[in-house]
Each structure stands twice: as C-alpha cells, then as structure tokens.
PDB file of N, CA and C in Angstrom:
ATOM      1  N   MET A   1       0.801  -1.059  -0.289  1.00  0.00           N
ATOM      2  CA  MET A   1      -0.067   0.107   0.305  1.00  0.00           C
ATOM      3  C   MET A   1       0.795   1.262  -0.124  1.00  0.00           C
ATOM      4  N   ASP A   2       0.516   2.371  -1.122  1.00  0.00           N
ATOM      5  CA  ASP A   2       1.330   3.586  -0.941  1.00  0.00           C
ATOM      6  C   ASP A   2       0.581   4.272  -1.374  1.00  0.00           C
ATOM      7  N   ASP A   3       0.830   5.826  -1.436  1.00  0.00           N
ATOM      8  CA  ASP A   3       0.103   7.068  -1.999  1.00  0.00           C
ATOM      9  C   ASP A   3      -0.452   6.468  -3.288  1.00  0.00           C
ATOM     10  N   ASP A   4      -0.283   5.604  -4.105  1.00  0.00           N
ATOM     11  CA  ASP A   4      -0.893   5.780  -5.668  1.00  0.00           C
ATOM     12  C   ASP A   4      -2.512   4.609  -5.310  1.00  0.00           C
ATOM     13  N   CYS A   5      -2.024   4.137  -4.049  1.00  0.00           N
ATOM     14  CA  CYS A   5      -2.566   2.908  -3.792  1.00  0.00           C
ATOM     15  C   CYS A   5      -4.240   3.349  -3.975  1.00  0.00           C
ATOM     16  N   ALA A   6      -5.213   2.755  -5.159  1.00  0.00           N
ATOM     17  CA  ALA A   6      -6.442   2.930  -5.168  1.00  0.00           C
ATOM     18  C   ALA A   6      -7.701   2.495  -3.984  1.00  0.00           C
ATOM     19  N   ASP A   7      -6.959   1.256  -3.465  1.00  0.00           N
ATOM     20  CA  ASP A   7      -7.658   0.686  -2.752  1.00  0.00           C
ATOM     21  C   ASP A   7      -7.479   0.929  -1.585  1.00  0.00           C
ATOM     22  N   ASP A   8      -8.194   2.259  -1.354  1.00  0.00           N
ATOM     23  CA  ASP A   8      -8.026   2.402   0.632  1.00  0.00           C
ATOM     24  C   ASP A   8      -8.888   2.765   1.328  1.00  0.00           C
ATOM     25  N   GLU A   9     -10.105   2.208   1.116  1.00  0.00           N
ATOM     26  CA  GLU A   9     -11.135   2.885   1.739  1.00  0.00           C
ATOM     27  C   GLU A   9     -11.269   1.443   2.602  1.00  0.00           C
ATOM     28  N   CYS A  10     -10.675   0.240   2.896  1.00  0.00           N
ATOM     29  CA  CYS A  10     -11.144  -0.385   3.719  1.00  0.00           C
ATOM     30  C   CYS A  10      -9.801  -1.265   4.106  1.00  0.00           C
ATOM     31  N   PRO A  11      -9.005  -0.375   5.047  1.00  0.00           N
ATOM     32  CA  PRO A  11      -7.918  -1.335   5.608  1.00  0.00           C
ATOM     33  C   PRO A  11      -7.670  -2.419   6.697  1.00  0.00           C
ATOM     34  N   LEU A  12      -7.406  -3.222   6.605  1.00  0.00           N
ATOM     35  CA  LEU A  12      -7.640  -4.404   7.827  1.00  0.00           C
ATOM     36  C   LEU A  12      -5.850  -4.750   8.771  1.00  0.00           C
ATOM     37  N   SER A  13      -6.425  -5.346   9.763  1.00  0.00           N
ATOM     38  CA  SER A  13      -5.056  -5.308  10.411  1.00  0.00           C
ATOM     39  C   SER A  13      -5.171  -6.824  10.784  1.00  0.00           C
ATOM     40  N   HIS A  14      -4.412  -7.107  11.580  1.00  0.00           N
ATOM     41  CA  HIS A  14      -4.075  -8.480  12.329  1.00  0.00           C
ATOM     42  C   HIS A  14      -4.998  -8.549  13.003  1.00  0.00           C
ATOM     43  N   GLY A  15      -5.379  -7.368  13.914  1.00  0.00           N
ATOM     44  CA  GLY A  15      -6.682  -7.599  14.732  1.00  0.00           C
ATOM     45  C   GLY A  15      -8.383  -8.129  14.523  1.00  0.00           C
ATOM     46  N   ASP A  16      -8.226  -8.195  13.076  1.00  0.00           N
ATOM     47  CA  ASP A  16      -9.511  -7.852  11.781  1.00  0.00           C
ATOM     48  C   ASP A  16      -9.050  -9.641  11.632  1.00  0.00           C
ATOM     49  N   TYR A  17      -8.213 -10.107  11.382  1.00  0.00           N
ATOM     50  CA  TYR A  17      -8.082 -11.504  10.773  1.00  0.00           C
ATOM     51  C   TYR A  17      -6.407 -11.569  11.405  1.00  0.00           C
ATOM     52  N   ALA A  18      -6.165 -12.887  11.927  1.00  0.00           N
ATOM     53  CA  ALA A  18      -5.114 -13.241  12.227  1.00  0.00           C
ATOM     54  C   ALA A  18      -3.812 -13.656  10.957  1.00  0.00           C
ATOM     55  N   TRP A  19      -4.696 -13.955   9.929  1.00  0.00           N
ATOM     56  CA  TRP A  19      -3.525 -14.166   8.856  1.00  0.00           C
ATOM     57  C   TRP A  19      -3.002 -13.051   8.461  1.00  0.00           C
ATOM     58  N   ILE A  20      -3.074 -11.907   8.517  1.00  0.00           N
ATOM     59  CA  ILE A  20      -2.660 -10.473   8.052  1.00  0.00           C
ATOM     60  C   ILE A  20      -1.686 -10.275   9.117  1.00  0.00           C
ATOM     61  N   GLU A  21      -0.464  -9.884   8.698  1.00  0.00           N
ATOM     62  CA  GLU A  21       0.660 -10.149   9.618  1.00  0.00           C
ATOM     63  C   GLU A  21       1.094  -8.804  10.484  1.00  0.00           C
ATOM     64  N   PRO A  22       1.372  -8.754  11.533  1.00  0.00           N
ATOM     65  CA  PRO A  22       1.418  -7.440  12.363  1.00  0.00           C
ATOM     66  C   PRO A  22       2.243  -6.375  11.896  1.00  0.00           C
ATOM     67  N   ASN A  23       1.775  -5.236  11.713  1.00  0.00           N
ATOM     68  CA  ASN A  23       2.612  -4.119  11.563  1.00  0.00           C
ATOM     69  C   ASN A  23       2.977  -4.281  10.264  1.00  0.00           C
ATOM     70  N   HIS A  24       1.808  -4.260   9.466  1.00  0.00           N
ATOM     71  CA  HIS A  24       1.640  -4.877   7.852  1.00  0.00           C
ATOM     72  C   HIS A  24       0.374  -4.548   7.228  1.00  0.00           C
ATOM     73  N   PRO A  25       0.479  -2.979   6.688  1.00  0.00           N
ATOM     74  CA  PRO A  25      -0.836  -2.196   6.356  1.00  0.00           C
ATOM     75  C   PRO A  25      -1.194  -3.270   5.088  1.00  0.00           C
ATOM     76  N   THR A  26      -2.405  -3.287   5.309  1.00  0.00           N
ATOM     77  CA  THR A  26      -3.242  -4.104   4.434  1.00  0.00           C
ATOM     78  C   THR A  26      -4.651  -3.470   4.229  1.00  0.00           C
ATOM     79  N   VAL A  27      -5.168  -3.612   2.727  1.00  0.00           N
ATOM     80  CA  VAL A  27      -6.508  -2.822   2.766  1.00  0.00           C
ATOM     81  C   VAL A  27      -6.651  -4.076   1.446  1.00  0.00           C
ATOM     82  N   VAL A  28      -8.348  -4.413   1.424  1.00  0.00           N
ATOM     83  CA  VAL A  28      -9.101  -5.218   0.645  1.00  0.00           C
ATOM     84  C   VAL A  28      -8.788  -4.182  -0.700  1.00  0.00           C
ATOM     85  N   ALA A  29      -8.617  -5.183  -1.773  1.00  0.00           N
ATOM     86  CA  ALA A  29      -8.405  -5.063  -3.116  1.00  0.00           C
ATOM     87  C   ALA A  29      -9.493  -4.730  -3.785  1.00  0.00           C
ATOM     88  N   PHE A  30     -10.821  -3.929  -3.163  1.00  0.00           N
ATOM     89  CA  PHE A  30     -11.383  -3.992  -4.424  1.00  0.00           C
ATOM     90  C   PHE A  30     -11.590  -3.934  -5.549  1.00  0.00           C
ATOM     91  N   SER A  31     -10.638  -2.760  -6.435  1.00  0.00           N
ATOM     92  CA  SER A  31     -10.339  -2.768  -7.692  1.00  0.00           C
ATOM     93  C   SER A  31      -9.935  -4.023  -8.511  1.00  0.00           C
ATOM     94  N   TYR A  32      -9.533  -5.074  -7.522  1.00  0.00           N
ATOM     95  CA  TYR A  32      -9.135  -6.358  -8.500  1.00  0.00           C
ATOM     96  C   TYR A  32      -9.925  -7.319  -8.198  1.00  0.00           C
ATOM     97  N   ALA A  33     -11.386  -7.441  -7.221  1.00  0.00           N
ATOM     98  CA  ALA A  33     -12.391  -8.183  -7.129  1.00  0.00           C
ATOM     99  C   ALA A  33     -13.040  -8.949  -8.575  1.00  0.00           C
ATOM    100  N   ARG A  34     -12.992 -10.287  -8.334  1.00  0.00           N
ATOM    101  CA  ARG A  34     -13.557 -10.850  -9.669  1.00  0.00           C
ATOM    102  C   ARG A  34     -14.292 -11.805  -9.056  1.00  0.00           C
ATOM    103  N   ALA A  35     -15.827 -12.336  -9.750  1.00  0.00           N
ATOM    104  CA  ALA A  35     -16.624 -13.538  -9.618  1.00  0.00           C
ATOM    105  C   ALA A  35     -15.703 -14.511 -10.028  1.00  0.00           C
ATOM    106  N   TYR A  36     -15.614 -15.439  -9.095  1.00  0.00           N
ATOM    107  CA  TYR A  36     -15.130 -16.933  -9.450  1.00  0.00           C
ATOM    108  C   TYR A  36     -16.140 -18.114  -9.137  1.00  0.00           C
ATOM    109  N   ASP A  37     -16.386 -18.890  -9.636  1.00  0.00           N
ATOM    110  CA  ASP A  37     -17.129 -20.038 -10.019  1.00  0.00           C
ATOM    111  C   ASP A  37     -16.347 -20.965  -8.354  1.00  0.00           C
ATOM    112  N   VAL A  38     -17.070 -20.911  -7.142  1.00  0.00           N
ATOM    113  CA  VAL A  38     -16.580 -21.990  -6.121  1.00  0.00           C
ATOM    114  C   VAL A  38     -16.014 -23.086  -6.072  1.00  0.00           C
ATOM    115  N   ALA A  39     -16.387 -24.148  -7.546  1.00  0.00           N
ATOM    116  CA  ALA A  39     -16.070 -25.199  -7.554  1.00  0.00           C
ATOM    117  C   ALA A  39     -14.166 -25.221  -8.281  1.00  0.00           C
ATOM    118  N   LYS A  40     -13.905 -24.225  -9.144  1.00  0.00           N
ATOM    119  CA  LYS A  40     -12.777 -24.027  -9.698  1.00  0.00           C
ATOM    120  C   LYS A  40     -11.647 -23.291  -8.387  1.00  0.00           C
ATOM    121  N   LEU A  41     -12.790 -22.371  -7.306  1.00  0.00           N
ATOM    122  CA  LEU A  41     -11.475 -22.191  -6.411  1.00  0.00           C
ATOM    123  C   LEU A  41     -11.334 -23.154  -5.516  1.00  0.00           C
ATOM    124  N   GLU A  42     -12.023 -24.141  -5.076  1.00  0.00           N
ATOM    125  CA  GLU A  42     -11.874 -25.521  -4.226  1.00  0.00           C
ATOM    126  C   GLU A  42     -11.047 -25.898  -5.043  1.00  0.00           C
ATOM    127  N   ALA A  43     -10.882 -26.119  -6.104  1.00  0.00           N
ATOM    128  CA  ALA A  43      -9.815 -27.470  -6.777  1.00  0.00           C
ATOM    129  C   ALA A  43      -8.199 -26.377  -7.060  1.00  0.00           C
ATOM    130  N   ALA A  44      -8.486 -24.923  -6.903  1.00  0.00           N
ATOM    131  CA  ALA A  44      -7.368 -24.433  -7.181  1.00  0.00           C
ATOM    132  C   ALA A  44      -6.360 -24.627  -5.626  1.00  0.00           C
ATOM    133  N   PHE A  45      -7.091 -24.664  -4.461  1.00  0.00           N
ATOM    134  CA  PHE A  45      -6.999 -24.884  -2.819  1.00  0.00           C
ATOM    135  C   PHE A  45      -6.423 -26.561  -3.269  1.00  0.00           C
ATOM    136  N   ARG A  46      -7.226 -27.170  -3.461  1.00  0.00           N
ATOM    137  CA  ARG A  46      -6.957 -28.482  -3.519  1.00  0.00           C
ATOM    138  C   ARG A  46      -5.121 -29.047  -4.136  1.00  0.00           C
ATOM    139  N   SER A  47      -5.274 -28.409  -5.140  1.00  0.00           N
ATOM    140  CA  SER A  47      -4.360 -28.604  -6.335  1.00  0.00           C
ATOM    141  C   SER A  47      -2.827 -27.847  -5.824  1.00  0.00           C
ATOM    142  N   GLY A  48      -3.316 -27.124  -4.649  1.00  0.00           N
ATOM    143  CA  GLY A  48      -1.851 -25.873  -4.076  1.00  0.00           C
ATOM    144  C   GLY A  48      -1.640 -25.147  -5.148  1.00  0.00           C
ATOM    145  N   LEU A  49      -2.529 -24.344  -6.090  1.00  0.00           N
ATOM    146  CA  LEU A  49      -2.126 -23.331  -7.299  1.00  0.00           C
ATOM    147  C   LEU A  49      -2.340 -22.074  -6.212  1.00  0.00           C
ATOM    148  N   LEU A  50      -3.573 -22.187  -5.308  1.00  0.00           N
ATOM    149  CA  LEU A  50      -3.702 -21.302  -4.089  1.00  0.00           C
ATOM    150  C   LEU A  50      -3.537 -21.837  -2.748  1.00  0.00           C
ATOM    151  N   ALA A  51      -2.574 -20.780  -2.029  1.00  0.00           N
ATOM    152  CA  ALA A  51      -2.865 -21.291  -0.840  1.00  0.00           C
ATOM    153  C   ALA A  51      -4.080 -20.840   0.544  1.00  0.00           C
ATOM    154  N   GLN A  52      -4.448 -21.495   0.752  1.00  0.00           N
ATOM    155  CA  GLN A  52      -5.538 -21.804   2.068  1.00  0.00           C
ATOM    156  C   GLN A  52      -4.981 -20.728   2.956  1.00  0.00           C
ATOM    157  N   PRO A  53      -5.648 -19.579   3.229  1.00  0.00           N
ATOM    158  CA  PRO A  53      -5.124 -18.810   4.403  1.00  0.00           C
ATOM    159  C   PRO A  53      -5.442 -19.575   5.635  1.00  0.00           C
ATOM    160  N   LYS A  54      -4.715 -19.203   6.710  1.00  0.00           N
ATOM    161  CA  LYS A  54      -4.776 -19.348   8.361  1.00  0.00           C
ATOM    162  C   LYS A  54      -5.055 -18.424   9.023  1.00  0.00           C
ATOM    163  N   PRO A  55      -5.952 -18.587   9.867  1.00  0.00           N
ATOM    164  CA  PRO A  55      -7.061 -19.486   9.621  1.00  0.00           C
ATOM    165  C   PRO A  55      -7.972 -19.340   8.711  1.00  0.00           C
ATOM    166  N   PRO A  56      -8.594 -20.539   8.207  1.00  0.00           N
ATOM    167  CA  PRO A  56      -9.179 -20.579   6.820  1.00  0.00           C
ATOM    168  C   PRO A  56     -10.827 -19.994   7.312  1.00  0.00           C
ATOM    169  N   ILE A  57     -10.720 -19.391   8.108  1.00  0.00           N
ATOM    170  CA  ILE A  57     -12.494 -18.874   8.450  1.00  0.00           C
ATOM    171  C   ILE A  57     -12.123 -17.613   9.195  1.00  0.00           C
ATOM    172  N   ILE A  58     -12.475 -16.545   8.102  1.00  0.00           N
ATOM    173  CA  ILE A  58     -12.613 -14.728   8.646  1.00  0.00           C
ATOM    174  C   ILE A  58     -13.748 -14.957   9.525  1.00  0.00           C
ATOM    175  N   PRO A  59     -13.080 -13.662  10.637  1.00  0.00           N
ATOM    176  CA  PRO A  59     -14.504 -13.634  11.761  1.00  0.00           C
ATOM    177  C   PRO A  59     -15.530 -12.868  11.076  1.00  0.00           C
ATOM    178  N   ALA A  60     -16.558 -13.473  11.689  1.00  0.00           N
ATOM    179  CA  ALA A  60     -17.702 -12.463  11.108  1.00  0.00           C
ATOM    180  C   ALA A  60     -17.922 -11.151  11.360  1.00  0.00           C
ATOM    181  N   LYS A  61     -17.088 -10.789  12.232  1.00  0.00           N
ATOM    182  CA  LYS A  61     -17.146  -9.163  12.599  1.00  0.00           C
ATOM    183  C   LYS A  61     -16.101  -8.693  11.305  1.00  0.00           C
ATOM    184  N   THR A  62     -14.996  -8.968  11.163  1.00  0.00           N
ATOM    185  CA  THR A  62     -14.331  -9.019   9.440  1.00  0.00           C
ATOM    186  C   THR A  62     -15.457  -8.708   8.457  1.00  0.00           C
ATOM    187  N   LEU A  63     -15.574  -9.902   8.733  1.00  0.00           N
ATOM    188  CA  LEU A  63     -16.649 -10.034   7.306  1.00  0.00           C
ATOM    189  C   LEU A  63     -17.925  -9.037   6.972  1.00  0.00           C
ATOM    190  N   ALA A  64     -18.173  -8.617   7.982  1.00  0.00           N
ATOM    191  CA  ALA A  64     -19.485  -7.914   8.361  1.00  0.00           C
ATOM    192  C   ALA A  64     -18.902  -6.111   8.081  1.00  0.00           C
ATOM    193  N   LYS A  65     -17.572  -6.380   8.422  1.00  0.00           N
ATOM    194  CA  LYS A  65     -16.872  -4.676   8.219  1.00  0.00           C
ATOM    195  C   LYS A  65     -16.598  -4.513   6.520  1.00  0.00           C
ATOM    196  N   ILE A  66     -16.236  -5.714   6.353  1.00  0.00           N
ATOM    197  CA  ILE A  66     -16.010  -5.432   4.775  1.00  0.00           C
ATOM    198  C   ILE A  66     -17.018  -5.174   3.526  1.00  0.00           C
ATOM    199  N   ARG A  67     -18.213  -6.074   4.153  1.00  0.00           N
ATOM    200  CA  ARG A  67     -19.360  -5.829   3.799  1.00  0.00           C
ATOM    201  C   ARG A  67     -19.711  -4.642   3.432  1.00  0.00           C
ATOM    202  N   LYS A  68     -19.572  -4.018   4.581  1.00  0.00           N
ATOM    203  CA  LYS A  68     -20.355  -2.601   4.549  1.00  0.00           C
ATOM    204  C   LYS A  68     -19.597  -1.433   3.912  1.00  0.00           C
ATOM    205  N   ILE A  69     -18.335  -1.943   3.893  1.00  0.00           N
ATOM    206  CA  ILE A  69     -17.711  -0.869   3.289  1.00  0.00           C
ATOM    207  C   ILE A  69     -17.733  -1.477   1.591  1.00  0.00           C
ATOM    208  N   ALA A  70     -17.670  -2.129   1.493  1.00  0.00           N
ATOM    209  CA  ALA A  70     -18.201  -2.679   0.128  1.00  0.00           C
ATOM    210  C   ALA A  70     -19.027  -2.151  -0.737  1.00  0.00           C
ATOM    211  N   ALA A  71     -20.334  -2.012  -0.027  1.00  0.00           N
ATOM    212  CA  ALA A  71     -21.517  -1.693  -0.646  1.00  0.00           C
ATOM    213  C   ALA A  71     -22.061  -0.159  -1.275  1.00  0.00           C
ATOM    214  N   THR A  72     -20.677   0.597  -0.678  1.00  0.00           N
ATOM    215  CA  THR A  72     -20.678   1.778  -0.955  1.00  0.00           C
ATOM    216  C   THR A  72     -18.797   2.105  -2.000  1.00  0.00           C
ATOM    217  N   ALA A  73     -18.154   1.159  -1.894  1.00  0.00           N
ATOM    218  CA  ALA A  73     -16.650   1.078  -2.590  1.00  0.00           C
ATOM    219  C   ALA A  73     -16.650   1.762  -3.372  1.00  0.00           C
ATOM    220  N   ARG A  74     -15.932   2.831  -3.881  1.00  0.00           N
ATOM    221  CA  ARG A  74     -15.794   3.607  -5.375  1.00  0.00           C
ATOM    222  C   ARG A  74     -15.340   2.392  -6.402  1.00  0.00           C
ATOM    223  N   GLU A  75     -14.140   1.142  -5.913  1.00  0.00           N
ATOM    224  CA  GLU A  75     -13.329   0.573  -6.531  1.00  0.00           C
ATOM    225  C   GLU A  75     -14.114  -0.503  -7.124  1.00  0.00           C
ATOM    226  N   LEU A  76     -15.176  -1.237  -5.999  1.00  0.00           N
ATOM    227  CA  LEU A  76     -15.949  -2.361  -6.527  1.00  0.00           C
ATOM    228  C   LEU A  76     -16.850  -2.130  -7.995  1.00  0.00           C
ATOM    229  N   ASP A  77     -16.839  -2.855  -8.589  1.00  0.00           N
ATOM    230  CA  ASP A  77     -17.463  -3.025  -9.918  1.00  0.00           C
ATOM    231  C   ASP A  77     -19.270  -2.905  -9.361  1.00  0.00           C
ATOM    232  N   ARG A  78     -19.832  -2.107  -9.890  1.00  0.00           N
ATOM    233  CA  ARG A  78     -21.408  -2.306  -9.265  1.00  0.00           C
ATOM    234  C   ARG A  78     -22.128  -3.683  -9.751  1.00  0.00           C
ATOM    235  N   ASP A  79     -21.900  -4.466 -10.543  1.00  0.00           N
ATOM    236  CA  ASP A  79     -22.387  -5.859 -10.649  1.00  0.00           C
ATOM    237  C   ASP A  79     -21.880  -6.697  -9.342  1.00  0.00           C
ATOM    238  N   LEU A  80     -20.421  -6.447  -9.109  1.00  0.00           N
ATOM    239  CA  LEU A  80     -20.143  -7.354  -7.787  1.00  0.00           C
ATOM    240  C   LEU A  80     -20.894  -6.647  -6.608  1.00  0.00           C
ATOM    241  N   LYS A  81     -21.202  -5.681  -6.290  1.00  0.00           N
ATOM    242  CA  LYS A  81     -22.260  -5.195  -5.554  1.00  0.00           C
ATOM    243  C   LYS A  81     -23.427  -5.559  -5.388  1.00  0.00           C
ATOM    244  N   LYS A  82     -23.673  -5.806  -6.133  1.00  0.00           N
ATOM    245  CA  LYS A  82     -25.200  -6.614  -6.393  1.00  0.00           C
ATOM    246  C   LYS A  82     -25.123  -8.068  -5.862  1.00  0.00           C
ATOM    247  N   LEU A  83     -23.745  -8.553  -5.745  1.00  0.00           N
ATOM    248  CA  LEU A  83     -23.611  -9.918  -5.149  1.00  0.00           C
ATOM    249  C   LEU A  83     -24.095  -9.574  -3.409  1.00  0.00           C
ATOM    250  N   LEU A  84     -23.538  -9.008  -3.075  1.00  0.00           N
ATOM    251  CA  LEU A  84     -24.003  -8.295  -1.767  1.00  0.00           C
ATOM    252  C   LEU A  84     -24.856  -8.970  -0.820  1.00  0.00           C
TER     253      LEU A  84
END
C-alpha cells in the first residue's frame, strides 16, 4: 500500500484477521475483485495453485466490516456490489 493505491477504503489489521501480519498495512483490493466459480476455487486450493489462508475462516465481525464498506466502495464494480 502506498500513496498511489486506489484501494484505501477498507484497511485491515492483524486484529481483524490473524492471517494478516502484524504491522503490515493491508487493504481489501476492491479494484481487483472478480467473481469466480466456487468449484474452481476449491480445485485451486486442493491442487496447491492457491494457498489456503490460516485460519481458513474469516471472523464474522471482519466480514461484516468488509461488506459494509464494499456496499459503497468506489473501486468495487457495480455488478459485484449486487452480489452482496
């Protein structure tokens, strides 16, 4: 994350999700959001193409925070907002 980062609306910290490293500025990259087929994602995890985050479950409070910000995020595509 730097001054040119368009995705600055939803900062997260280690306190939001243990997988995020402490003292590492992190944001949700809404501008990169894409809709994917769940079966393809699961296959990518099984094959090792994608690494499963640890812990694999994001806390409900953190998901609620992301969804609330996503609903009005300028960088999230309108069609993806409809999925919320």
